[in-house]
Amino acid sequence: MYDKMSVLQQVLTDARKLATRLRDHDSSADSLLSQAQGMFKQVESMKEYCEEMNELNEAANNRPRSALIHSIQQENRHIRQLQQENKELRLALEEHQNVMELIMSKYRQQVAKLVTVNSKQAQPNTQEQAKGLREMLNIASRSGSILPAACSVDAGTQTEHELRNFELCRSQEQESVDKDVVQEEKQCLESSATSAS
């Protein structure tokens, strides 16, 4: 009986030792498995790197590095030339706009002078016109076409009335000329803006 108890205790201690060893082996197997997974990821990334390098080499037609640098330098020169052309075109556009503004200001001045000259030519001397109307009334009264008493009263009022009508017509003509000038300036500005863009 004593032997059976000692054997049973021996078996239990051996079983405990085996269980601890199994646990140790299990943890070492887990660590080995995690290391293997890390190695697998590294191998995958190396494969991806090699594939990308092969694609880049194919894209570069397997040219050496110096040829790539040379082509990049040519592109940089071309970009600098385009930037210089852009700058020159911008300056030319600004110069063109300045010239157009100068031309338009000269045009406005000339149109204003023309309008004033035309209005001066179209505007008769009101005093001379009044003297002429009075002379005509005097001649008419002498010849007997109109009554002399009514002439003296009507001559003054009629002359003033005709002068007012004349000035009203002249101001309306001036307004229509001003409107035409404004319309022409607007059209010129629109056409110059369209040509500039």
N, C-alpha and C. Protein backbone atom coordinates (compact mmCIF):
# COMPACT_ATOMS: atom_id res chain seq x y z
N MET A 1 0.82 -1.18 0.00
CA MET A 1 0.00 0.00 0.00
C MET A 1 0.85 1.23 0.00
N TYR A 2 1.91 1.15 0.81
CA TYR A 2 2.83 2.29 0.85
C TYR A 2 3.47 2.48 -0.49
N ASP A 3 3.82 1.41 -1.17
CA ASP A 3 4.45 1.53 -2.49
C ASP A 3 3.49 2.15 -3.50
N LYS A 4 2.23 1.75 -3.40
CA LYS A 4 1.25 2.30 -4.34
C LYS A 4 1.11 3.80 -4.15
N MET A 5 1.13 4.27 -2.90
CA MET A 5 1.01 5.70 -2.61
C MET A 5 2.22 6.45 -3.11
N SER A 6 3.36 5.91 -2.94
CA SER A 6 4.57 6.60 -3.39
C SER A 6 4.62 6.64 -4.91
N VAL A 7 4.18 5.56 -5.55
CA VAL A 7 4.15 5.53 -7.01
C VAL A 7 3.17 6.55 -7.53
N LEU A 8 2.01 6.62 -6.85
CA LEU A 8 0.98 7.59 -7.27
C LEU A 8 1.50 9.01 -7.10
N GLN A 9 2.19 9.28 -6.01
CA GLN A 9 2.76 10.62 -5.81
C GLN A 9 3.83 10.92 -6.84
N GLN A 10 4.59 9.88 -7.15
CA GLN A 10 5.63 10.05 -8.17
C GLN A 10 4.99 10.38 -9.52
N VAL A 11 3.92 9.69 -9.83
CA VAL A 11 3.23 9.94 -11.11
C VAL A 11 2.68 11.36 -11.13
N LEU A 12 2.11 11.81 -10.01
CA LEU A 12 1.55 13.17 -9.95
C LEU A 12 2.64 14.22 -10.09
N THR A 13 3.76 14.05 -9.45
CA THR A 13 4.84 15.03 -9.60
C THR A 13 5.38 15.04 -11.03
N ASP A 14 5.47 13.82 -11.61
CA ASP A 14 5.92 13.77 -13.00
C ASP A 14 4.91 14.48 -13.92
N ALA A 15 3.65 14.26 -13.61
CA ALA A 15 2.60 14.91 -14.43
C ALA A 15 2.70 16.43 -14.29
N ARG A 16 2.95 16.90 -13.05
CA ARG A 16 3.10 18.35 -12.87
C ARG A 16 4.30 18.88 -13.64
N LYS A 17 5.40 18.15 -13.60
CA LYS A 17 6.59 18.57 -14.32
C LYS A 17 6.32 18.63 -15.82
N LEU A 18 5.62 17.58 -16.29
CA LEU A 18 5.30 17.56 -17.71
C LEU A 18 4.38 18.73 -18.11
N ALA A 19 3.42 19.03 -17.24
CA ALA A 19 2.50 20.15 -17.53
C ALA A 19 3.28 21.47 -17.59
N THR A 20 4.23 21.65 -16.63
CA THR A 20 5.02 22.87 -16.69
C THR A 20 5.88 22.91 -17.94
N ARG A 21 6.48 21.77 -18.28
CA ARG A 21 7.27 21.75 -19.51
C ARG A 21 6.39 22.06 -20.73
N LEU A 22 5.19 21.48 -20.74
CA LEU A 22 4.28 21.75 -21.86
C LEU A 22 3.93 23.23 -21.94
N ARG A 23 3.70 23.84 -20.79
CA ARG A 23 3.42 25.28 -20.80
C ARG A 23 4.60 26.06 -21.34
N ASP A 24 5.84 25.68 -20.90
CA ASP A 24 7.03 26.36 -21.39
C ASP A 24 7.19 26.18 -22.91
N HIS A 25 6.97 24.93 -23.34
CA HIS A 25 7.07 24.67 -24.78
C HIS A 25 5.99 25.44 -25.56
N ASP A 26 4.81 25.54 -24.97
CA ASP A 26 3.72 26.27 -25.63
C ASP A 26 4.06 27.76 -25.79
N SER A 27 4.62 28.36 -24.70
CA SER A 27 4.99 29.77 -24.77
C SER A 27 6.13 29.98 -25.75
N SER A 28 7.11 29.04 -25.76
CA SER A 28 8.20 29.18 -26.72
C SER A 28 7.69 28.99 -28.15
N ALA A 29 6.72 28.09 -28.32
CA ALA A 29 6.13 27.90 -29.65
C ALA A 29 5.39 29.17 -30.08
N ASP A 30 4.70 29.82 -29.14
CA ASP A 30 4.02 31.09 -29.47
C ASP A 30 5.03 32.16 -29.89
N SER A 31 6.13 32.26 -29.14
CA SER A 31 7.14 33.26 -29.51
C SER A 31 7.77 32.94 -30.86
N LEU A 32 8.02 31.63 -31.11
CA LEU A 32 8.57 31.25 -32.42
C LEU A 32 7.57 31.57 -33.54
N LEU A 33 6.30 31.34 -33.26
CA LEU A 33 5.27 31.64 -34.26
C LEU A 33 5.20 33.14 -34.56
N SER A 34 5.27 33.97 -33.53
CA SER A 34 5.23 35.43 -33.75
C SER A 34 6.48 35.88 -34.50
N GLN A 35 7.66 35.28 -34.18
CA GLN A 35 8.88 35.62 -34.93
C GLN A 35 8.75 35.21 -36.39
N ALA A 36 8.14 34.04 -36.62
CA ALA A 36 7.96 33.58 -38.00
C ALA A 36 7.02 34.53 -38.76
N GLN A 37 5.98 35.00 -38.10
CA GLN A 37 5.07 35.95 -38.75
C GLN A 37 5.79 37.26 -39.09
N GLY A 38 6.63 37.76 -38.16
CA GLY A 38 7.41 38.96 -38.43
C GLY A 38 8.33 38.78 -39.62
N MET A 39 8.99 37.60 -39.68
CA MET A 39 9.88 37.30 -40.81
C MET A 39 9.08 37.24 -42.11
N PHE A 40 7.90 36.67 -42.04
CA PHE A 40 7.05 36.58 -43.24
C PHE A 40 6.67 37.98 -43.75
N LYS A 41 6.34 38.88 -42.81
CA LYS A 41 6.01 40.25 -43.21
C LYS A 41 7.21 40.95 -43.83
N GLN A 42 8.39 40.71 -43.28
CA GLN A 42 9.59 41.32 -43.86
C GLN A 42 9.84 40.80 -45.27
N VAL A 43 9.65 39.49 -45.46
CA VAL A 43 9.84 38.91 -46.78
C VAL A 43 8.84 39.50 -47.77
N GLU A 44 7.58 39.67 -47.33
CA GLU A 44 6.55 40.27 -48.20
C GLU A 44 6.92 41.71 -48.59
N SER A 45 7.39 42.47 -47.60
CA SER A 45 7.76 43.85 -47.91
C SER A 45 8.97 43.89 -48.84
N MET A 46 9.90 42.95 -48.70
CA MET A 46 11.05 42.90 -49.60
C MET A 46 10.58 42.57 -51.02
N LYS A 47 9.60 41.66 -51.13
CA LYS A 47 9.07 41.33 -52.46
C LYS A 47 8.41 42.55 -53.09
N GLU A 48 7.62 43.26 -52.31
CA GLU A 48 6.96 44.47 -52.83
C GLU A 48 7.99 45.50 -53.27
N TYR A 49 9.04 45.65 -52.47
CA TYR A 49 10.10 46.59 -52.82
C TYR A 49 10.77 46.21 -54.14
N CYS A 50 11.06 44.93 -54.29
CA CYS A 50 11.69 44.47 -55.54
C CYS A 50 10.77 44.69 -56.73
N GLU A 51 9.47 44.42 -56.55
CA GLU A 51 8.53 44.63 -57.64
C GLU A 51 8.44 46.11 -58.02
N GLU A 52 8.40 46.98 -57.03
CA GLU A 52 8.34 48.41 -57.31
C GLU A 52 9.62 48.89 -58.00
N MET A 53 10.75 48.38 -57.58
CA MET A 53 12.02 48.76 -58.22
C MET A 53 12.05 48.28 -59.67
N ASN A 54 11.52 47.08 -59.91
CA ASN A 54 11.46 46.58 -61.29
C ASN A 54 10.55 47.45 -62.14
N GLU A 55 9.40 47.86 -61.58
CA GLU A 55 8.49 48.74 -62.32
C GLU A 55 9.15 50.07 -62.63
N LEU A 56 9.86 50.64 -61.63
CA LEU A 56 10.55 51.91 -61.86
C LEU A 56 11.64 51.77 -62.92
N ASN A 57 12.36 50.67 -62.89
CA ASN A 57 13.40 50.46 -63.90
C ASN A 57 12.80 50.32 -65.29
N GLU A 58 11.65 49.62 -65.37
CA GLU A 58 10.99 49.50 -66.66
C GLU A 58 10.48 50.86 -67.13
N ALA A 59 9.94 51.65 -66.19
CA ALA A 59 9.44 52.98 -66.57
C ALA A 59 10.59 53.87 -67.03
N ALA A 60 11.72 53.73 -66.43
CA ALA A 60 12.88 54.54 -66.83
C ALA A 60 13.64 53.91 -67.98
N ASN A 61 13.07 52.82 -68.55
CA ASN A 61 13.71 52.11 -69.66
C ASN A 61 15.13 51.68 -69.31
N ASN A 62 15.28 51.36 -68.04
CA ASN A 62 16.59 50.89 -67.55
C ASN A 62 17.72 51.88 -67.87
N ARG A 63 17.35 53.17 -67.93
CA ARG A 63 18.37 54.18 -68.21
C ARG A 63 19.22 54.39 -66.96
N PRO A 64 20.44 54.78 -67.14
CA PRO A 64 21.28 55.06 -65.97
C PRO A 64 20.84 56.35 -65.29
N ARG A 65 21.31 56.52 -64.12
CA ARG A 65 20.90 57.67 -63.31
C ARG A 65 21.28 59.00 -63.96
N SER A 66 22.43 59.05 -64.61
CA SER A 66 22.89 60.29 -65.24
C SER A 66 21.93 60.72 -66.35
N ALA A 67 21.37 59.74 -67.10
CA ALA A 67 20.42 60.09 -68.16
C ALA A 67 19.14 60.66 -67.57
N LEU A 68 18.70 60.09 -66.45
CA LEU A 68 17.51 60.62 -65.79
C LEU A 68 17.74 62.04 -65.30
N ILE A 69 18.90 62.29 -64.72
CA ILE A 69 19.22 63.63 -64.22
C ILE A 69 19.28 64.62 -65.38
N HIS A 70 19.84 64.18 -66.51
CA HIS A 70 19.92 65.04 -67.69
C HIS A 70 18.52 65.41 -68.20
N SER A 71 17.63 64.42 -68.27
CA SER A 71 16.26 64.72 -68.75
C SER A 71 15.53 65.66 -67.77
N ILE A 72 15.76 65.48 -66.48
CA ILE A 72 15.12 66.37 -65.48
C ILE A 72 15.66 67.79 -65.64
N GLN A 73 16.95 67.93 -65.90
CA GLN A 73 17.54 69.26 -66.10
C GLN A 73 16.96 69.93 -67.35
N GLN A 74 16.74 69.15 -68.42
CA GLN A 74 16.13 69.71 -69.63
C GLN A 74 14.70 70.20 -69.34
N GLU A 75 13.95 69.40 -68.58
CA GLU A 75 12.59 69.82 -68.23
C GLU A 75 12.62 71.10 -67.39
N ASN A 76 13.57 71.21 -66.47
CA ASN A 76 13.69 72.42 -65.66
C ASN A 76 14.00 73.63 -66.53
N ARG A 77 14.89 73.46 -67.53
CA ARG A 77 15.18 74.56 -68.44
C ARG A 77 13.94 74.98 -69.22
N HIS A 78 13.21 73.99 -69.68
CA HIS A 78 11.98 74.28 -70.44
C HIS A 78 10.97 75.02 -69.57
N ILE A 79 10.84 74.62 -68.31
CA ILE A 79 9.92 75.29 -67.38
C ILE A 79 10.36 76.73 -67.15
N ARG A 80 11.68 76.95 -67.01
CA ARG A 80 12.17 78.33 -66.83
C ARG A 80 11.89 79.18 -68.05
N GLN A 81 12.06 78.60 -69.25
CA GLN A 81 11.75 79.35 -70.47
C GLN A 81 10.27 79.73 -70.53
N LEU A 82 9.41 78.78 -70.16
CA LEU A 82 7.97 79.07 -70.15
C LEU A 82 7.64 80.16 -69.14
N GLN A 83 8.27 80.13 -67.99
CA GLN A 83 8.03 81.17 -66.99
C GLN A 83 8.48 82.53 -67.51
N GLN A 84 9.62 82.57 -68.21
CA GLN A 84 10.10 83.83 -68.79
C GLN A 84 9.13 84.35 -69.85
N GLU A 85 8.63 83.44 -70.70
CA GLU A 85 7.65 83.84 -71.71
C GLU A 85 6.38 84.37 -71.05
N ASN A 86 5.96 83.71 -69.99
CA ASN A 86 4.79 84.17 -69.24
C ASN A 86 4.98 85.59 -68.73
N LYS A 87 6.15 85.84 -68.17
CA LYS A 87 6.46 87.17 -67.64
C LYS A 87 6.44 88.22 -68.74
N GLU A 88 7.05 87.88 -69.89
CA GLU A 88 7.08 88.83 -71.01
C GLU A 88 5.67 89.09 -71.54
N LEU A 89 4.86 88.03 -71.64
CA LEU A 89 3.48 88.21 -72.12
C LEU A 89 2.67 89.07 -71.15
N ARG A 90 2.90 88.88 -69.86
CA ARG A 90 2.18 89.69 -68.87
C ARG A 90 2.56 91.17 -69.00
N LEU A 91 3.86 91.42 -69.19
CA LEU A 91 4.31 92.81 -69.38
C LEU A 91 3.73 93.41 -70.66
N ALA A 92 3.71 92.61 -71.74
CA ALA A 92 3.15 93.10 -73.01
C ALA A 92 1.66 93.41 -72.85
N LEU A 93 0.95 92.57 -72.11
CA LEU A 93 -0.48 92.81 -71.89
C LEU A 93 -0.69 94.10 -71.09
N GLU A 94 0.11 94.31 -70.05
CA GLU A 94 -0.01 95.55 -69.27
C GLU A 94 0.29 96.77 -70.14
N GLU A 95 1.33 96.65 -70.98
CA GLU A 95 1.68 97.76 -71.87
C GLU A 95 0.54 98.04 -72.85
N HIS A 96 -0.05 96.96 -73.37
CA HIS A 96 -1.18 97.11 -74.30
C HIS A 96 -2.36 97.80 -73.62
N GLN A 97 -2.64 97.41 -72.39
CA GLN A 97 -3.75 98.03 -71.66
C GLN A 97 -3.46 99.52 -71.40
N ASN A 98 -2.22 99.85 -71.06
CA ASN A 98 -1.87 101.26 -70.85
C ASN A 98 -2.04 102.06 -72.13
N VAL A 99 -1.60 101.49 -73.26
CA VAL A 99 -1.74 102.18 -74.54
C VAL A 99 -3.22 102.37 -74.87
N MET A 100 -4.03 101.34 -74.61
CA MET A 100 -5.47 101.45 -74.89
C MET A 100 -6.11 102.53 -74.02
N GLU A 101 -5.70 102.62 -72.76
CA GLU A 101 -6.23 103.67 -71.88
C GLU A 101 -5.84 105.05 -72.40
N LEU A 102 -4.58 105.18 -72.85
CA LEU A 102 -4.12 106.46 -73.39
C LEU A 102 -4.91 106.82 -74.65
N ILE A 103 -5.10 105.84 -75.54
CA ILE A 103 -5.86 106.09 -76.76
C ILE A 103 -7.29 106.50 -76.43
N MET A 104 -7.89 105.81 -75.47
CA MET A 104 -9.28 106.13 -75.11
C MET A 104 -9.38 107.53 -74.49
N SER A 105 -8.39 107.92 -73.69
CA SER A 105 -8.45 109.26 -73.11
C SER A 105 -8.29 110.32 -74.20
N LYS A 106 -7.38 110.06 -75.17
CA LYS A 106 -7.23 110.99 -76.29
C LYS A 106 -8.52 111.05 -77.11
N TYR A 107 -9.12 109.87 -77.30
CA TYR A 107 -10.37 109.82 -78.06
C TYR A 107 -11.46 110.64 -77.37
N ARG A 108 -11.56 110.47 -76.05
CA ARG A 108 -12.57 111.24 -75.29
C ARG A 108 -12.32 112.74 -75.42
N GLN A 109 -11.04 113.13 -75.34
CA GLN A 109 -10.71 114.55 -75.48
C GLN A 109 -11.11 115.08 -76.86
N GLN A 110 -10.79 114.29 -77.90
CA GLN A 110 -11.13 114.72 -79.26
C GLN A 110 -12.64 114.81 -79.46
N VAL A 111 -13.37 113.82 -78.91
CA VAL A 111 -14.83 113.84 -79.04
C VAL A 111 -15.41 115.03 -78.30
N ALA A 112 -14.86 115.33 -77.12
CA ALA A 112 -15.35 116.49 -76.37
C ALA A 112 -15.08 117.78 -77.14
N LYS A 113 -13.89 117.88 -77.75
CA LYS A 113 -13.59 119.07 -78.55
C LYS A 113 -14.54 119.17 -79.74
N LEU A 114 -14.78 118.04 -80.40
CA LEU A 114 -15.67 118.02 -81.55
C LEU A 114 -17.07 118.44 -81.16
N VAL A 115 -17.53 117.96 -80.01
CA VAL A 115 -18.88 118.32 -79.54
C VAL A 115 -18.96 119.81 -79.27
N THR A 116 -17.93 120.36 -78.60
CA THR A 116 -17.97 121.79 -78.31
C THR A 116 -17.90 122.62 -79.58
N VAL A 117 -17.08 122.19 -80.56
CA VAL A 117 -16.99 122.92 -81.83
C VAL A 117 -18.32 122.86 -82.57
N ASN A 118 -18.93 121.67 -82.60
CA ASN A 118 -20.22 121.52 -83.28
C ASN A 118 -21.31 122.35 -82.61
N SER A 119 -21.28 122.35 -81.27
CA SER A 119 -22.31 123.12 -80.57
C SER A 119 -22.10 124.63 -80.79
N LYS A 120 -20.83 125.05 -80.89
CA LYS A 120 -20.58 126.47 -81.15
C LYS A 120 -21.00 126.86 -82.57
N GLN A 121 -20.74 125.94 -83.52
CA GLN A 121 -21.15 126.22 -84.89
C GLN A 121 -22.66 126.20 -85.04
N ALA A 122 -23.33 125.27 -84.33
CA ALA A 122 -24.79 125.17 -84.45
C ALA A 122 -25.49 126.29 -83.68
N GLN A 123 -24.82 126.87 -82.71
CA GLN A 123 -25.44 127.90 -81.88
C GLN A 123 -25.23 129.27 -82.54
N PRO A 124 -26.29 129.84 -83.05
CA PRO A 124 -26.13 131.17 -83.63
C PRO A 124 -26.08 132.23 -82.54
N ASN A 125 -25.61 133.37 -82.92
CA ASN A 125 -25.53 134.47 -81.96
C ASN A 125 -26.94 134.94 -81.66
N THR A 126 -27.36 134.80 -80.40
CA THR A 126 -28.75 135.11 -80.04
C THR A 126 -29.05 136.59 -80.21
N GLN A 127 -28.06 137.42 -79.93
CA GLN A 127 -28.31 138.86 -80.08
C GLN A 127 -28.50 139.22 -81.55
N GLU A 128 -27.66 138.63 -82.44
CA GLU A 128 -27.83 138.92 -83.85
C GLU A 128 -29.17 138.41 -84.36
N GLN A 129 -29.58 137.22 -83.84
CA GLN A 129 -30.86 136.66 -84.24
C GLN A 129 -31.99 137.57 -83.78
N ALA A 130 -31.88 138.08 -82.52
CA ALA A 130 -32.92 138.98 -82.01
C ALA A 130 -32.97 140.26 -82.84
N LYS A 131 -31.75 140.84 -83.23
CA LYS A 131 -31.72 142.05 -84.08
C LYS A 131 -32.39 141.79 -85.40
N GLY A 132 -32.13 140.54 -85.97
CA GLY A 132 -32.71 140.19 -87.26
C GLY A 132 -34.22 140.06 -87.19
N LEU A 133 -34.70 139.45 -86.09
CA LEU A 133 -36.16 139.32 -85.92
C LEU A 133 -36.81 140.68 -85.76
N ARG A 134 -36.17 141.54 -85.04
CA ARG A 134 -36.75 142.89 -84.85
C ARG A 134 -36.82 143.66 -86.17
N GLU A 135 -35.73 143.52 -86.96
CA GLU A 135 -35.73 144.20 -88.26
C GLU A 135 -36.87 143.67 -89.14
N MET A 136 -37.07 142.33 -89.11
CA MET A 136 -38.15 141.76 -89.91
C MET A 136 -39.51 142.26 -89.44
N LEU A 137 -39.67 142.38 -88.10
CA LEU A 137 -40.93 142.89 -87.58
C LEU A 137 -41.13 144.36 -87.97
N ASN A 138 -40.04 145.11 -87.92
CA ASN A 138 -40.15 146.53 -88.32
C ASN A 138 -40.54 146.64 -89.79
N ILE A 139 -39.92 145.85 -90.64
CA ILE A 139 -40.24 145.88 -92.08
C ILE A 139 -41.69 145.48 -92.30
N ALA A 140 -42.12 144.44 -91.56
CA ALA A 140 -43.50 143.99 -91.71
C ALA A 140 -44.48 145.06 -91.25
N SER A 141 -44.13 145.77 -90.17
CA SER A 141 -45.05 146.82 -89.67
C SER A 141 -45.08 148.01 -90.63
N ARG A 142 -43.92 148.33 -91.27
CA ARG A 142 -43.89 149.43 -92.23
C ARG A 142 -44.70 149.11 -93.49
N SER A 143 -44.58 147.84 -93.89
CA SER A 143 -45.31 147.48 -95.11
C SER A 143 -46.80 147.31 -94.85
N GLY A 144 -47.19 147.24 -93.57
CA GLY A 144 -48.59 147.14 -93.23
C GLY A 144 -49.08 145.72 -93.06
N SER A 145 -48.20 144.75 -93.04
CA SER A 145 -48.63 143.36 -92.85
C SER A 145 -49.18 143.14 -91.45
N ILE A 146 -48.58 143.80 -90.45
CA ILE A 146 -49.07 143.68 -89.07
C ILE A 146 -49.27 145.08 -88.52
N LEU A 147 -50.05 145.15 -87.45
CA LEU A 147 -50.35 146.44 -86.84
C LEU A 147 -49.15 146.94 -86.05
N PRO A 148 -48.82 148.24 -86.12
CA PRO A 148 -47.66 148.75 -85.41
C PRO A 148 -47.80 148.69 -83.90
N ALA A 149 -49.01 148.87 -83.34
CA ALA A 149 -49.17 148.85 -81.89
C ALA A 149 -48.93 147.45 -81.35
N ALA A 150 -49.46 146.49 -82.06
CA ALA A 150 -49.29 145.11 -81.62
C ALA A 150 -47.85 144.66 -81.82
N CYS A 151 -47.17 145.29 -82.82
CA CYS A 151 -45.78 144.90 -83.12
C CYS A 151 -44.86 145.19 -81.97
N SER A 152 -45.03 146.35 -81.38
CA SER A 152 -44.09 146.72 -80.33
C SER A 152 -44.22 145.78 -79.14
N VAL A 153 -45.44 145.37 -78.87
CA VAL A 153 -45.63 144.46 -77.74
C VAL A 153 -45.24 143.04 -78.13
N ASP A 154 -45.73 142.61 -79.29
CA ASP A 154 -45.51 141.23 -79.68
C ASP A 154 -44.07 140.96 -80.11
N ALA A 155 -43.39 141.98 -80.61
CA ALA A 155 -42.03 141.75 -81.09
C ALA A 155 -41.12 141.28 -79.97
N GLY A 156 -41.22 141.93 -78.83
CA GLY A 156 -40.37 141.54 -77.70
C GLY A 156 -40.72 140.16 -77.19
N THR A 157 -42.03 139.91 -77.01
CA THR A 157 -42.42 138.61 -76.46
C THR A 157 -42.16 137.49 -77.46
N GLN A 158 -42.41 137.80 -78.75
CA GLN A 158 -42.18 136.77 -79.75
C GLN A 158 -40.70 136.43 -79.85
N THR A 159 -39.84 137.42 -79.80
CA THR A 159 -38.40 137.18 -79.88
C THR A 159 -37.93 136.36 -78.69
N GLU A 160 -38.39 136.70 -77.50
CA GLU A 160 -38.00 135.94 -76.31
C GLU A 160 -38.51 134.51 -76.39
N HIS A 161 -39.75 134.34 -76.88
CA HIS A 161 -40.32 133.00 -77.01
C HIS A 161 -39.51 132.15 -77.99
N GLU A 162 -39.15 132.75 -79.14
CA GLU A 162 -38.36 132.00 -80.11
C GLU A 162 -36.96 131.68 -79.58
N LEU A 163 -36.40 132.62 -78.82
CA LEU A 163 -35.08 132.35 -78.22
C LEU A 163 -35.14 131.18 -77.24
N ARG A 164 -36.21 131.16 -76.42
CA ARG A 164 -36.37 130.05 -75.48
C ARG A 164 -36.50 128.72 -76.22
N ASN A 165 -37.32 128.72 -77.28
CA ASN A 165 -37.48 127.49 -78.06
C ASN A 165 -36.16 127.05 -78.67
N PHE A 166 -35.40 128.00 -79.16
CA PHE A 166 -34.12 127.67 -79.77
C PHE A 166 -33.15 127.08 -78.73
N GLU A 167 -33.09 127.69 -77.55
CA GLU A 167 -32.19 127.19 -76.50
C GLU A 167 -32.62 125.80 -76.03
N LEU A 168 -33.94 125.56 -75.95
CA LEU A 168 -34.44 124.25 -75.55
C LEU A 168 -34.03 123.20 -76.58
N CYS A 169 -34.20 123.50 -77.87
CA CYS A 169 -33.78 122.57 -78.93
C CYS A 169 -32.28 122.30 -78.87
N ARG A 170 -31.52 123.38 -78.64
CA ARG A 170 -30.07 123.22 -78.58
C ARG A 170 -29.64 122.34 -77.41
N SER A 171 -30.29 122.48 -76.23
CA SER A 171 -29.93 121.64 -75.08
C SER A 171 -30.32 120.19 -75.34
N GLN A 172 -31.45 119.96 -76.04
CA GLN A 172 -31.83 118.58 -76.37
C GLN A 172 -30.84 117.96 -77.35
N GLU A 173 -30.39 118.74 -78.32
CA GLU A 173 -29.37 118.24 -79.25
C GLU A 173 -28.08 117.91 -78.51
N GLN A 174 -27.69 118.76 -77.56
CA GLN A 174 -26.47 118.52 -76.78
C GLN A 174 -26.59 117.23 -75.98
N GLU A 175 -27.78 116.98 -75.37
CA GLU A 175 -27.98 115.75 -74.60
C GLU A 175 -27.87 114.52 -75.49
N SER A 176 -28.46 114.59 -76.70
CA SER A 176 -28.38 113.42 -77.59
C SER A 176 -26.94 113.19 -78.04
N VAL A 177 -26.19 114.27 -78.30
CA VAL A 177 -24.77 114.12 -78.68
C VAL A 177 -23.99 113.51 -77.52
N ASP A 178 -24.25 113.97 -76.27
CA ASP A 178 -23.56 113.42 -75.10
C ASP A 178 -23.87 111.93 -74.95
N LYS A 179 -25.14 111.56 -75.17
CA LYS A 179 -25.49 110.14 -75.07
C LYS A 179 -24.75 109.32 -76.11
N ASP A 180 -24.66 109.87 -77.35
CA ASP A 180 -23.93 109.15 -78.40
C ASP A 180 -22.47 108.98 -78.03
N VAL A 181 -21.87 110.02 -77.47
CA VAL A 181 -20.45 109.94 -77.07
C VAL A 181 -20.26 108.89 -75.99
N VAL A 182 -21.14 108.86 -75.00
CA VAL A 182 -21.03 107.87 -73.92
C VAL A 182 -21.19 106.47 -74.48
N GLN A 183 -22.14 106.29 -75.41
CA GLN A 183 -22.36 104.98 -76.02
C GLN A 183 -21.14 104.52 -76.80
N GLU A 184 -20.53 105.44 -77.57
CA GLU A 184 -19.32 105.09 -78.33
C GLU A 184 -18.17 104.72 -77.40
N GLU A 185 -18.01 105.47 -76.31
CA GLU A 185 -16.92 105.14 -75.36
C GLU A 185 -17.15 103.78 -74.74
N LYS A 186 -18.39 103.47 -74.40
CA LYS A 186 -18.69 102.18 -73.79
C LYS A 186 -18.38 101.05 -74.76
N GLN A 187 -18.75 101.21 -76.04
CA GLN A 187 -18.47 100.18 -77.04
C GLN A 187 -16.97 100.00 -77.24
N CYS A 188 -16.24 101.11 -77.26
CA CYS A 188 -14.78 101.01 -77.42
C CYS A 188 -14.14 100.28 -76.24
N LEU A 189 -14.60 100.60 -75.03
CA LEU A 189 -14.05 99.94 -73.84
C LEU A 189 -14.36 98.45 -73.87
N GLU A 190 -15.59 98.07 -74.26
CA GLU A 190 -15.95 96.66 -74.33
C GLU A 190 -15.12 95.93 -75.36
N SER A 191 -14.92 96.56 -76.54
CA SER A 191 -14.12 95.89 -77.58
C SER A 191 -12.66 95.76 -77.15
N SER A 192 -12.13 96.78 -76.47
CA SER A 192 -10.73 96.67 -76.02
C SER A 192 -10.59 95.63 -74.92
N ALA A 193 -11.59 95.51 -74.04
CA ALA A 193 -11.54 94.46 -73.01
C ALA A 193 -11.63 93.09 -73.63
N THR A 194 -12.47 92.95 -74.68
CA THR A 194 -12.59 91.66 -75.34
C THR A 194 -11.29 91.28 -76.05
N SER A 195 -10.66 92.26 -76.73
CA SER A 195 -9.41 91.95 -77.43
C SER A 195 -8.29 91.68 -76.46
N ALA A 196 -8.30 92.33 -75.28
CA ALA A 196 -7.23 92.10 -74.29
C ALA A 196 -7.34 90.71 -73.70
N SER A 197 -8.58 90.23 -73.48
CA SER A 197 -8.71 88.90 -72.90
C SER A 197 -8.46 87.85 -73.94
